[in-house]
Amino acid sequence: ALAVQMQETQASLANIDDRRATEFTYAPGKWNLKQVV
C-alpha cells in the first residue's frame, strides 16, 4: 500500500508547475500545494 500510494500521489502531482503549486489554494487560509506536500 505504501509503495503503490506513493506512485499514485507522485503521478497525480508530477505535472503541476511551480507557480501553481505556490500560488493556488482552494480557500483563504488553506495551504498551497507546496505546503501540503
PDB file of all heavy atoms in Angstrom:
ATOM      1  N   ALA A   1       0.829  -1.207   0.000  1.00  0.00           N
ATOM      2  CA  ALA A   1       0.000   0.000   0.000  1.00  0.00           C
ATOM      3  C   ALA A   1       0.866   1.261   0.000  1.00  0.00           C
ATOM      4  O   ALA A   1       0.608   2.195  -0.763  1.00  0.00           O
ATOM      5  CB  ALA A   1      -0.938  -0.002   1.207  1.00  0.00           C
ATOM      6  N   LEU A   2       1.897   1.298   0.832  1.00  0.00           N
ATOM      7  CA  LEU A   2       2.766   2.475   0.890  1.00  0.00           C
ATOM      8  C   LEU A   2       3.459   2.724  -0.441  1.00  0.00           C
ATOM      9  O   LEU A   2       3.560   3.873  -0.895  1.00  0.00           O
ATOM     10  CB  LEU A   2       3.804   2.312   1.999  1.00  0.00           C
ATOM     11  CG  LEU A   2       3.298   2.404   3.436  1.00  0.00           C
ATOM     12  CD1 LEU A   2       4.386   1.951   4.406  1.00  0.00           C
ATOM     13  CD2 LEU A   2       2.813   3.803   3.772  1.00  0.00           C
ATOM     14  N   ALA A   3       3.940   1.673  -1.083  1.00  0.00           N
ATOM     15  CA  ALA A   3       4.642   1.820  -2.358  1.00  0.00           C
ATOM     16  C   ALA A   3       3.697   2.285  -3.462  1.00  0.00           C
ATOM     17  O   ALA A   3       4.001   3.230  -4.204  1.00  0.00           O
ATOM     18  CB  ALA A   3       5.317   0.512  -2.745  1.00  0.00           C
ATOM     19  N   VAL A   4       2.550   1.633  -3.575  1.00  0.00           N
ATOM     20  CA  VAL A   4       1.593   1.971  -4.633  1.00  0.00           C
ATOM     21  C   VAL A   4       1.046   3.387  -4.432  1.00  0.00           C
ATOM     22  O   VAL A   4       0.947   4.165  -5.385  1.00  0.00           O
ATOM     23  CB  VAL A   4       0.453   0.931  -4.690  1.00  0.00           C
ATOM     24  CG1 VAL A   4      -0.690   1.394  -5.577  1.00  0.00           C
ATOM     25  CG2 VAL A   4       1.000  -0.399  -5.174  1.00  0.00           C
ATOM     26  N   GLN A   5       0.688   3.714  -3.214  1.00  0.00           N
ATOM     27  CA  GLN A   5       0.144   5.050  -2.942  1.00  0.00           C
ATOM     28  C   GLN A   5       1.119   6.134  -3.362  1.00  0.00           C
ATOM     29  O   GLN A   5       0.709   7.146  -3.924  1.00  0.00           O
ATOM     30  CB  GLN A   5      -0.134   5.214  -1.443  1.00  0.00           C
ATOM     31  CG  GLN A   5      -1.358   4.537  -0.975  1.00  0.00           C
ATOM     32  CD  GLN A   5      -1.539   4.712   0.520  1.00  0.00           C
ATOM     33  OE1 GLN A   5      -2.079   3.825   1.143  1.00  0.00           O
ATOM     34  NE2 GLN A   5      -1.105   5.805   1.093  1.00  0.00           N
ATOM     35  N   MET A   6       2.398   5.964  -3.043  1.00  0.00           N
ATOM     36  CA  MET A   6       3.356   7.000  -3.385  1.00  0.00           C
ATOM     37  C   MET A   6       3.480   7.156  -4.888  1.00  0.00           C
ATOM     38  O   MET A   6       3.562   8.269  -5.390  1.00  0.00           O
ATOM     39  CB  MET A   6       4.727   6.710  -2.746  1.00  0.00           C
ATOM     40  CG  MET A   6       5.741   7.820  -2.948  1.00  0.00           C
ATOM     41  SD  MET A   6       5.225   9.528  -2.529  1.00  0.00           S
ATOM     42  CE  MET A   6       4.599   9.356  -0.879  1.00  0.00           C
ATOM     43  N   GLN A   7       3.456   6.049  -5.614  1.00  0.00           N
ATOM     44  CA  GLN A   7       3.486   6.133  -7.073  1.00  0.00           C
ATOM     45  C   GLN A   7       2.284   6.929  -7.581  1.00  0.00           C
ATOM     46  O   GLN A   7       2.417   7.782  -8.464  1.00  0.00           O
ATOM     47  CB  GLN A   7       3.487   4.742  -7.700  1.00  0.00           C
ATOM     48  CG  GLN A   7       4.762   3.970  -7.477  1.00  0.00           C
ATOM     49  CD  GLN A   7       4.646   2.524  -7.917  1.00  0.00           C
ATOM     50  OE1 GLN A   7       3.583   2.036  -8.325  1.00  0.00           O
ATOM     51  NE2 GLN A   7       5.749   1.807  -7.823  1.00  0.00           N
ATOM     52  N   GLU A   8       1.120   6.657  -7.020  1.00  0.00           N
ATOM     53  CA  GLU A   8      -0.102   7.353  -7.454  1.00  0.00           C
ATOM     54  C   GLU A   8      -0.062   8.835  -7.080  1.00  0.00           C
ATOM     55  O   GLU A   8      -0.463   9.687  -7.875  1.00  0.00           O
ATOM     56  CB  GLU A   8      -1.322   6.681  -6.834  1.00  0.00           C
ATOM     57  CG  GLU A   8      -1.559   5.276  -7.364  1.00  0.00           C
ATOM     58  CD  GLU A   8      -2.597   4.501  -6.569  1.00  0.00           C
ATOM     59  OE1 GLU A   8      -3.072   4.978  -5.518  1.00  0.00           O
ATOM     60  OE2 GLU A   8      -2.937   3.383  -7.020  1.00  0.00           O
ATOM     61  N   THR A   9       0.405   9.136  -5.887  1.00  0.00           N
ATOM     62  CA  THR A   9       0.498  10.532  -5.460  1.00  0.00           C
ATOM     63  C   THR A   9       1.482  11.286  -6.341  1.00  0.00           C
ATOM     64  O   THR A   9       1.197  12.406  -6.798  1.00  0.00           O
ATOM     65  CB  THR A   9       0.896  10.622  -3.973  1.00  0.00           C
ATOM     66  OG1 THR A   9      -0.152  10.037  -3.199  1.00  0.00           O
ATOM     67  CG2 THR A   9       1.112  12.056  -3.523  1.00  0.00           C
ATOM     68  N   GLN A  10       2.633  10.691  -6.581  1.00  0.00           N
ATOM     69  CA  GLN A  10       3.641  11.338  -7.428  1.00  0.00           C
ATOM     70  C   GLN A  10       3.078  11.578  -8.834  1.00  0.00           C
ATOM     71  O   GLN A  10       3.260  12.657  -9.398  1.00  0.00           O
ATOM     72  CB  GLN A  10       4.911  10.489  -7.485  1.00  0.00           C
ATOM     73  CG  GLN A  10       5.660  10.403  -6.182  1.00  0.00           C
ATOM     74  CD  GLN A  10       6.474  11.639  -5.849  1.00  0.00           C
ATOM     75  OE1 GLN A  10       6.969  12.333  -6.728  1.00  0.00           O
ATOM     76  NE2 GLN A  10       6.612  11.920  -4.576  1.00  0.00           N
ATOM     77  N   ALA A  11       2.396  10.599  -9.383  1.00  0.00           N
ATOM     78  CA  ALA A  11       1.822  10.742 -10.721  1.00  0.00           C
ATOM     79  C   ALA A  11       0.762  11.845 -10.761  1.00  0.00           C
ATOM     80  O   ALA A  11       0.680  12.608 -11.725  1.00  0.00           O
ATOM     81  CB  ALA A  11       1.230   9.414 -11.192  1.00  0.00           C
ATOM     82  N   SER A  12      -0.027  11.949  -9.699  1.00  0.00           N
ATOM     83  CA  SER A  12      -1.077  12.973  -9.641  1.00  0.00           C
ATOM     84  C   SER A  12      -0.517  14.382  -9.644  1.00  0.00           C
ATOM     85  O   SER A  12      -1.150  15.309 -10.138  1.00  0.00           O
ATOM     86  CB  SER A  12      -1.917  12.816  -8.369  1.00  0.00           C
ATOM     87  OG  SER A  12      -2.625  11.621  -8.380  1.00  0.00           O
ATOM     88  N   LEU A  13       0.652  14.541  -9.064  1.00  0.00           N
ATOM     89  CA  LEU A  13       1.207  15.879  -8.857  1.00  0.00           C
ATOM     90  C   LEU A  13       2.363  16.229  -9.784  1.00  0.00           C
ATOM     91  O   LEU A  13       2.806  17.385  -9.809  1.00  0.00           O
ATOM     92  CB  LEU A  13       1.658  16.020  -7.402  1.00  0.00           C
ATOM     93  CG  LEU A  13       0.553  15.845  -6.362  1.00  0.00           C
ATOM     94  CD1 LEU A  13       1.145  15.825  -4.958  1.00  0.00           C
ATOM     95  CD2 LEU A  13      -0.494  16.938  -6.496  1.00  0.00           C
ATOM     96  N   ALA A  14       2.835  15.281 -10.553  1.00  0.00           N
ATOM     97  CA  ALA A  14       4.057  15.465 -11.355  1.00  0.00           C
ATOM     98  C   ALA A  14       3.968  16.607 -12.363  1.00  0.00           C
ATOM     99  O   ALA A  14       4.979  17.242 -12.659  1.00  0.00           O
ATOM    100  CB  ALA A  14       4.406  14.167 -12.067  1.00  0.00           C
ATOM    101  N   ASN A  15       2.801  16.872 -12.897  1.00  0.00           N
ATOM    102  CA  ASN A  15       2.688  17.897 -13.942  1.00  0.00           C
ATOM    103  C   ASN A  15       2.257  19.267 -13.426  1.00  0.00           C
ATOM    104  O   ASN A  15       1.941  20.149 -14.228  1.00  0.00           O
ATOM    105  CB  ASN A  15       1.727  17.412 -15.035  1.00  0.00           C
ATOM    106  CG  ASN A  15       2.293  16.213 -15.768  1.00  0.00           C
ATOM    107  OD1 ASN A  15       3.491  16.135 -16.029  1.00  0.00           O
ATOM    108  ND2 ASN A  15       1.442  15.261 -16.092  1.00  0.00           N
ATOM    109  N   ILE A  16       2.261  19.461 -12.132  1.00  0.00           N
ATOM    110  CA  ILE A  16       1.914  20.760 -11.549  1.00  0.00           C
ATOM    111  C   ILE A  16       3.144  21.654 -11.638  1.00  0.00           C
ATOM    112  O   ILE A  16       4.227  21.269 -11.194  1.00  0.00           O
ATOM    113  CB  ILE A  16       1.491  20.619 -10.067  1.00  0.00           C
ATOM    114  CG1 ILE A  16       0.377  19.600  -9.914  1.00  0.00           C
ATOM    115  CG2 ILE A  16       1.175  21.964  -9.455  1.00  0.00           C
ATOM    116  CD1 ILE A  16      -0.975  20.048 -10.335  1.00  0.00           C
ATOM    117  N   ASP A  17       2.983  22.833 -12.201  1.00  0.00           N
ATOM    118  CA  ASP A  17       4.144  23.723 -12.293  1.00  0.00           C
ATOM    119  C   ASP A  17       4.362  24.450 -10.962  1.00  0.00           C
ATOM    120  O   ASP A  17       3.475  24.523 -10.115  1.00  0.00           O
ATOM    121  CB  ASP A  17       3.999  24.712 -13.457  1.00  0.00           C
ATOM    122  CG  ASP A  17       2.873  25.704 -13.289  1.00  0.00           C
ATOM    123  OD1 ASP A  17       2.918  26.507 -12.330  1.00  0.00           O
ATOM    124  OD2 ASP A  17       1.949  25.694 -14.127  1.00  0.00           O
ATOM    125  N   ASP A  18       5.554  24.953 -10.797  1.00  0.00           N
ATOM    126  CA  ASP A  18       5.971  25.553  -9.538  1.00  0.00           C
ATOM    127  C   ASP A  18       5.098  26.757  -9.157  1.00  0.00           C
ATOM    128  O   ASP A  18       4.751  26.938  -7.985  1.00  0.00           O
ATOM    129  CB  ASP A  18       7.443  25.962  -9.613  1.00  0.00           C
ATOM    130  CG  ASP A  18       8.060  26.102  -8.253  1.00  0.00           C
ATOM    131  OD1 ASP A  18       8.173  25.086  -7.550  1.00  0.00           O
ATOM    132  OD2 ASP A  18       8.398  27.245  -7.881  1.00  0.00           O
ATOM    133  N   ARG A  19       4.742  27.551 -10.133  1.00  0.00           N
ATOM    134  CA  ARG A  19       3.924  28.734  -9.845  1.00  0.00           C
ATOM    135  C   ARG A  19       2.560  28.336  -9.288  1.00  0.00           C
ATOM    136  O   ARG A  19       2.105  28.879  -8.282  1.00  0.00           O
ATOM    137  CB  ARG A  19       3.764  29.583 -11.105  1.00  0.00           C
ATOM    138  CG  ARG A  19       2.990  30.838 -10.858  1.00  0.00           C
ATOM    139  CD  ARG A  19       2.943  31.699 -12.074  1.00  0.00           C
ATOM    140  NE  ARG A  19       2.049  32.828 -11.818  1.00  0.00           N
ATOM    141  CZ  ARG A  19       1.652  33.665 -12.728  1.00  0.00           C
ATOM    142  NH1 ARG A  19       2.070  33.562 -13.968  1.00  0.00           N
ATOM    143  NH2 ARG A  19       0.825  34.634 -12.405  1.00  0.00           N
ATOM    144  N   ARG A  20       1.911  27.402  -9.937  1.00  0.00           N
ATOM    145  CA  ARG A  20       0.600  26.932  -9.456  1.00  0.00           C
ATOM    146  C   ARG A  20       0.723  26.311  -8.066  1.00  0.00           C
ATOM    147  O   ARG A  20      -0.109  26.548  -7.199  1.00  0.00           O
ATOM    148  CB  ARG A  20      -0.007  25.934 -10.431  1.00  0.00           C
ATOM    149  CG  ARG A  20      -1.361  25.375  -9.982  1.00  0.00           C
ATOM    150  CD  ARG A  20      -2.035  24.585 -11.090  1.00  0.00           C
ATOM    151  NE  ARG A  20      -3.189  23.855 -10.641  1.00  0.00           N
ATOM    152  CZ  ARG A  20      -4.404  24.358 -10.427  1.00  0.00           C
ATOM    153  NH1 ARG A  20      -4.602  25.650 -10.605  1.00  0.00           N
ATOM    154  NH2 ARG A  20      -5.397  23.600 -10.023  1.00  0.00           N
ATOM    155  N   ALA A  21       1.771  25.536  -7.860  1.00  0.00           N
ATOM    156  CA  ALA A  21       1.973  24.895  -6.561  1.00  0.00           C
ATOM    157  C   ALA A  21       2.179  25.921  -5.452  1.00  0.00           C
ATOM    158  O   ALA A  21       1.809  25.681  -4.302  1.00  0.00           O
ATOM    159  CB  ALA A  21       3.163  23.943  -6.624  1.00  0.00           C
ATOM    160  N   THR A  22       2.731  27.060  -5.802  1.00  0.00           N
ATOM    161  CA  THR A  22       2.989  28.119  -4.819  1.00  0.00           C
ATOM    162  C   THR A  22       1.769  28.990  -4.574  1.00  0.00           C
ATOM    163  O   THR A  22       1.466  29.349  -3.437  1.00  0.00           O
ATOM    164  CB  THR A  22       4.141  29.026  -5.293  1.00  0.00           C
ATOM    165  OG1 THR A  22       5.295  28.233  -5.555  1.00  0.00           O
ATOM    166  CG2 THR A  22       4.480  30.087  -4.252  1.00  0.00           C
ATOM    167  N   GLU A  23       1.042  29.296  -5.618  1.00  0.00           N
ATOM    168  CA  GLU A  23       0.002  30.331  -5.538  1.00  0.00           C
ATOM    169  C   GLU A  23      -1.405  29.812  -5.280  1.00  0.00           C
ATOM    170  O   GLU A  23      -2.233  30.538  -4.728  1.00  0.00           O
ATOM    171  CB  GLU A  23       0.005  31.164  -6.821  1.00  0.00           C
ATOM    172  CG  GLU A  23       1.284  31.952  -6.997  1.00  0.00           C
ATOM    173  CD  GLU A  23       1.341  32.722  -8.308  1.00  0.00           C
ATOM    174  OE1 GLU A  23       0.392  32.609  -9.134  1.00  0.00           O
ATOM    175  OE2 GLU A  23       2.336  33.424  -8.519  1.00  0.00           O
ATOM    176  N   PHE A  24      -1.696  28.592  -5.668  1.00  0.00           N
ATOM    177  CA  PHE A  24      -3.085  28.144  -5.610  1.00  0.00           C
ATOM    178  C   PHE A  24      -3.447  27.543  -4.254  1.00  0.00           C
ATOM    179  O   PHE A  24      -2.780  26.653  -3.753  1.00  0.00           O
ATOM    180  CB  PHE A  24      -3.381  27.116  -6.705  1.00  0.00           C
ATOM    181  CG  PHE A  24      -4.814  26.668  -6.695  1.00  0.00           C
ATOM    182  CD1 PHE A  24      -5.809  27.491  -7.194  1.00  0.00           C
ATOM    183  CD2 PHE A  24      -5.179  25.461  -6.135  1.00  0.00           C
ATOM    184  CE1 PHE A  24      -7.140  27.094  -7.157  1.00  0.00           C
ATOM    185  CE2 PHE A  24      -6.500  25.061  -6.089  1.00  0.00           C
ATOM    186  CZ  PHE A  24      -7.484  25.880  -6.601  1.00  0.00           C
ATOM    187  N   THR A  25      -4.525  28.059  -3.690  1.00  0.00           N
ATOM    188  CA  THR A  25      -5.204  27.436  -2.560  1.00  0.00           C
ATOM    189  C   THR A  25      -6.685  27.445  -2.901  1.00  0.00           C
ATOM    190  O   THR A  25      -7.142  28.311  -3.645  1.00  0.00           O
ATOM    191  CB  THR A  25      -4.971  28.178  -1.226  1.00  0.00           C
ATOM    192  OG1 THR A  25      -5.510  29.488  -1.330  1.00  0.00           O
ATOM    193  CG2 THR A  25      -3.503  28.247  -0.882  1.00  0.00           C
ATOM    194  N   TYR A  26      -7.426  26.519  -2.355  1.00  0.00           N
ATOM    195  CA  TYR A  26      -8.837  26.451  -2.717  1.00  0.00           C
ATOM    196  C   TYR A  26      -9.718  27.368  -1.885  1.00  0.00           C
ATOM    197  O   TYR A  26     -10.875  27.575  -2.207  1.00  0.00           O
ATOM    198  CB  TYR A  26      -9.355  25.006  -2.687  1.00  0.00           C
ATOM    199  CG  TYR A  26      -9.427  24.377  -1.317  1.00  0.00           C
ATOM    200  CD1 TYR A  26     -10.555  24.524  -0.526  1.00  0.00           C
ATOM    201  CD2 TYR A  26      -8.374  23.624  -0.824  1.00  0.00           C
ATOM    202  CE1 TYR A  26     -10.629  23.945   0.727  1.00  0.00           C
ATOM    203  CE2 TYR A  26      -8.443  23.035   0.423  1.00  0.00           C
ATOM    204  CZ  TYR A  26      -9.574  23.204   1.200  1.00  0.00           C
ATOM    205  OH  TYR A  26      -9.653  22.633   2.437  1.00  0.00           O
ATOM    206  N   ALA A  27      -9.152  27.938  -0.813  1.00  0.00           N
ATOM    207  CA  ALA A  27      -9.908  28.869   0.028  1.00  0.00           C
ATOM    208  C   ALA A  27      -8.914  29.691   0.856  1.00  0.00           C
ATOM    209  O   ALA A  27      -7.797  29.227   1.113  1.00  0.00           O
ATOM    210  CB  ALA A  27     -10.859  28.109   0.952  1.00  0.00           C
ATOM    211  N   PRO A  28      -9.317  30.869   1.278  1.00  0.00           N
ATOM    212  CA  PRO A  28      -8.421  31.676   2.116  1.00  0.00           C
ATOM    213  C   PRO A  28      -8.003  30.915   3.379  1.00  0.00           C
ATOM    214  O   PRO A  28      -8.810  30.220   3.994  1.00  0.00           O
ATOM    215  CB  PRO A  28      -9.267  32.902   2.468  1.00  0.00           C
ATOM    216  CG  PRO A  28     -10.304  32.979   1.389  1.00  0.00           C
ATOM    217  CD  PRO A  28     -10.575  31.548   0.995  1.00  0.00           C
ATOM    218  N   GLY A  29      -6.736  31.028   3.708  1.00  0.00           N
ATOM    219  CA  GLY A  29      -6.220  30.383   4.908  1.00  0.00           C
ATOM    220  C   GLY A  29      -5.842  28.919   4.739  1.00  0.00           C
ATOM    221  O   GLY A  29      -5.334  28.297   5.666  1.00  0.00           O
ATOM    222  N   LYS A  30      -6.097  28.343   3.569  1.00  0.00           N
ATOM    223  CA  LYS A  30      -5.730  26.948   3.309  1.00  0.00           C
ATOM    224  C   LYS A  30      -4.312  26.891   2.741  1.00  0.00           C
ATOM    225  O   LYS A  30      -3.822  27.840   2.150  1.00  0.00           O
ATOM    226  CB  LYS A  30      -6.714  26.284   2.335  1.00  0.00           C
ATOM    227  CG  LYS A  30      -8.124  26.185   2.890  1.00  0.00           C
ATOM    228  CD  LYS A  30      -8.149  25.302   4.116  1.00  0.00           C
ATOM    229  CE  LYS A  30      -9.550  25.138   4.659  1.00  0.00           C
ATOM    230  NZ  LYS A  30      -9.563  24.306   5.865  1.00  0.00           N
ATOM    231  N   TRP A  31      -3.671  25.747   2.904  1.00  0.00           N
ATOM    232  CA  TRP A  31      -2.308  25.580   2.425  1.00  0.00           C
ATOM    233  C   TRP A  31      -2.259  25.505   0.910  1.00  0.00           C
ATOM    234  O   TRP A  31      -3.192  25.029   0.261  1.00  0.00           O
ATOM    235  CB  TRP A  31      -1.716  24.291   2.980  1.00  0.00           C
ATOM    236  CG  TRP A  31      -1.508  24.290   4.467  1.00  0.00           C
ATOM    237  CD1 TRP A  31      -1.372  25.367   5.289  1.00  0.00           C
ATOM    238  CD2 TRP A  31      -1.398  23.140   5.300  1.00  0.00           C
ATOM    239  NE1 TRP A  31      -1.171  24.955   6.587  1.00  0.00           N
ATOM    240  CE2 TRP A  31      -1.185  23.588   6.625  1.00  0.00           C
ATOM    241  CE3 TRP A  31      -1.447  21.771   5.068  1.00  0.00           C
ATOM    242  CZ2 TRP A  31      -1.023  22.725   7.691  1.00  0.00           C
ATOM    243  CZ3 TRP A  31      -1.290  20.915   6.130  1.00  0.00           C
ATOM    244  CH2 TRP A  31      -1.073  21.389   7.427  1.00  0.00           C
ATOM    245  N   ASN A  32      -1.137  25.966   0.344  1.00  0.00           N
ATOM    246  CA  ASN A  32      -0.917  25.771  -1.087  1.00  0.00           C
ATOM    247  C   ASN A  32      -0.371  24.349  -1.300  1.00  0.00           C
ATOM    248  O   ASN A  32      -0.123  23.608  -0.345  1.00  0.00           O
ATOM    249  CB  ASN A  32       0.003  26.859  -1.668  1.00  0.00           C
ATOM    250  CG  ASN A  32       1.414  26.835  -1.105  1.00  0.00           C
ATOM    251  OD1 ASN A  32       1.992  25.778  -0.844  1.00  0.00           O
ATOM    252  ND2 ASN A  32       1.997  28.019  -0.920  1.00  0.00           N
ATOM    253  N   LEU A  33      -0.194  23.975  -2.553  1.00  0.00           N
ATOM    254  CA  LEU A  33       0.226  22.607  -2.851  1.00  0.00           C
ATOM    255  C   LEU A  33       1.612  22.293  -2.289  1.00  0.00           C
ATOM    256  O   LEU A  33       1.859  21.172  -1.827  1.00  0.00           O
ATOM    257  CB  LEU A  33       0.210  22.368  -4.362  1.00  0.00           C
ATOM    258  CG  LEU A  33      -1.187  22.268  -4.979  1.00  0.00           C
ATOM    259  CD1 LEU A  33      -1.103  22.324  -6.494  1.00  0.00           C
ATOM    260  CD2 LEU A  33      -1.881  21.003  -4.537  1.00  0.00           C
ATOM    261  N   LYS A  34       2.510  23.256  -2.309  1.00  0.00           N
ATOM    262  CA  LYS A  34       3.836  23.020  -1.731  1.00  0.00           C
ATOM    263  C   LYS A  34       3.722  22.730  -0.238  1.00  0.00           C
ATOM    264  O   LYS A  34       4.398  21.840   0.286  1.00  0.00           O
ATOM    265  CB  LYS A  34       4.734  24.231  -1.946  1.00  0.00           C
ATOM    266  CG  LYS A  34       5.191  24.417  -3.367  1.00  0.00           C
ATOM    267  CD  LYS A  34       6.116  25.621  -3.458  1.00  0.00           C
ATOM    268  CE  LYS A  34       6.669  25.788  -4.845  1.00  0.00           C
ATOM    269  NZ  LYS A  34       7.637  26.912  -4.902  1.00  0.00           N
ATOM    270  N   GLN A  35       2.878  23.469   0.427  1.00  0.00           N
ATOM    271  CA  GLN A  35       2.700  23.274   1.861  1.00  0.00           C
ATOM    272  C   GLN A  35       2.061  21.922   2.163  1.00  0.00           C
ATOM    273  O   GLN A  35       2.445  21.263   3.137  1.00  0.00           O
ATOM    274  CB  GLN A  35       1.877  24.414   2.449  1.00  0.00           C
ATOM    275  CG  GLN A  35       2.628  25.734   2.434  1.00  0.00           C
ATOM    276  CD  GLN A  35       1.744  26.922   2.737  1.00  0.00           C
ATOM    277  OE1 GLN A  35       0.594  26.995   2.268  1.00  0.00           O
ATOM    278  NE2 GLN A  35       2.269  27.864   3.502  1.00  0.00           N
ATOM    279  N   VAL A  36       1.132  21.498   1.347  1.00  0.00           N
ATOM    280  CA  VAL A  36       0.505  20.187   1.547  1.00  0.00           C
ATOM    281  C   VAL A  36       1.544  19.078   1.386  1.00  0.00           C
ATOM    282  O   VAL A  36       1.644  18.180   2.230  1.00  0.00           O
ATOM    283  CB  VAL A  36      -0.680  19.964   0.578  1.00  0.00           C
ATOM    284  CG1 VAL A  36      -1.186  18.530   0.647  1.00  0.00           C
ATOM    285  CG2 VAL A  36      -1.807  20.950   0.876  1.00  0.00           C
ATOM    286  N   VAL A  37       2.341  19.144   0.343  1.00  0.00           N
ATOM    287  CA  VAL A  37       3.350  18.117   0.110  1.00  0.00           C
ATOM    288  C   VAL A  37       4.404  18.146   1.221  1.00  0.00           C
ATOM    289  O   VAL A  37       4.811  17.097   1.736  1.00  0.00           O
ATOM    290  CB  VAL A  37       3.982  18.263  -1.290  1.00  0.00           C
ATOM    291  CG1 VAL A  37       5.192  17.353  -1.451  1.00  0.00           C
ATOM    292  CG2 VAL A  37       2.935  17.960  -2.364  1.00  0.00           C
TER     293      VAL A  37
END
